[in-house]
């Protein structure tokens, strides 16, 4: 299957309103423009008005190399162009890191450009959607075998979006009045936290792609107890059977010294509980060691530490780190939500 064949199904999940100005922010090279064109065409078919915007890594490297430094401080009115869009769809053939031959002395200028651009792309938008294309480079960034990554991504992206949206909405309706979460994990570990006055969110095609989860920011100071995580991945390292201990919402203990040292590198609320989520994408058949896919896998749940002020919490940090697991059991207000991998509420 060619990736362009999946694009109509993805667009069906975007919920684009007729007449919306849709900026397609494409991180890719000229040889990949067929993907950008296909997105533009499918957006137009559902009533959106697409604007194609390419950010070629090769061109950006050349631009910052050959253009005089005095002309690389982009004025604010330049970024005003992007504010016209109602919807922004980021399409990644690769990540935002610059070309390996990008001039090192221009990094501060590039960083300033990217910060202003991100602000213009996200501020005041009806939707901000990020699409990862299953490329070899994206697989390498996740330290995953390309064929495994591609198969998992294709499966996840061919989900029945109508069914997924209904399932997400139905589950949130069942969860929204619940307050106390109790998670039972391996080795008789128990973790509890509160959801009082916090709102559930759904990721069903209008946010992060691949999608398929509902999630919430717990009351930060409420997390108490321990949880066993079967696999943790960070900086190309894979740890097994990691024990996390929380007190008053803060991660106070970890069975991995190197993981704790990694977390403590970050400023702010990097070690406070940030998220509780439940995977609902039934097309993801198992965990492959890639967080952005694994956390959407139906039959799993996840917690996170670090930043959550973008979805209803109060933690501010450069770190947001997810921990994915299949529970022994999860209870909400003493009702069973998950019995192993099965959602029973």
Foldseek 3Di string as FASTA:
>chain_A
DDPLVLLLLLLVQQPDDAAFEEEEEEEEDPVPCVSVVSNCVSCVVRRYHYDYHYDYLVVVLVCQVPDDPVPLQDDLVVLVVLLSGQEYEYEDPADPDHDPNRDPVCVVSVVVVVVSNVCSNPPNHPFYEYHYDLHPRVCVVLVFDSVVSNLLQVLLSNFNLVVLVVVQVVVQVVPVVFFKKWFAAPPRWIKIFTAPPKHKDAFRSRYYPSGFKIKIFTAFQGIAIKHWFQWFDDPNDIDGGKMFGDHRQFGPDIPDPVVVVVQVVKDWFSGGKTMKMAAGRCSNPADRSGVSSHCNHQLKIKTWTADHPVRGYDTHIPDIGIGMDFTCWMDTVNHTQDHGRDGDD
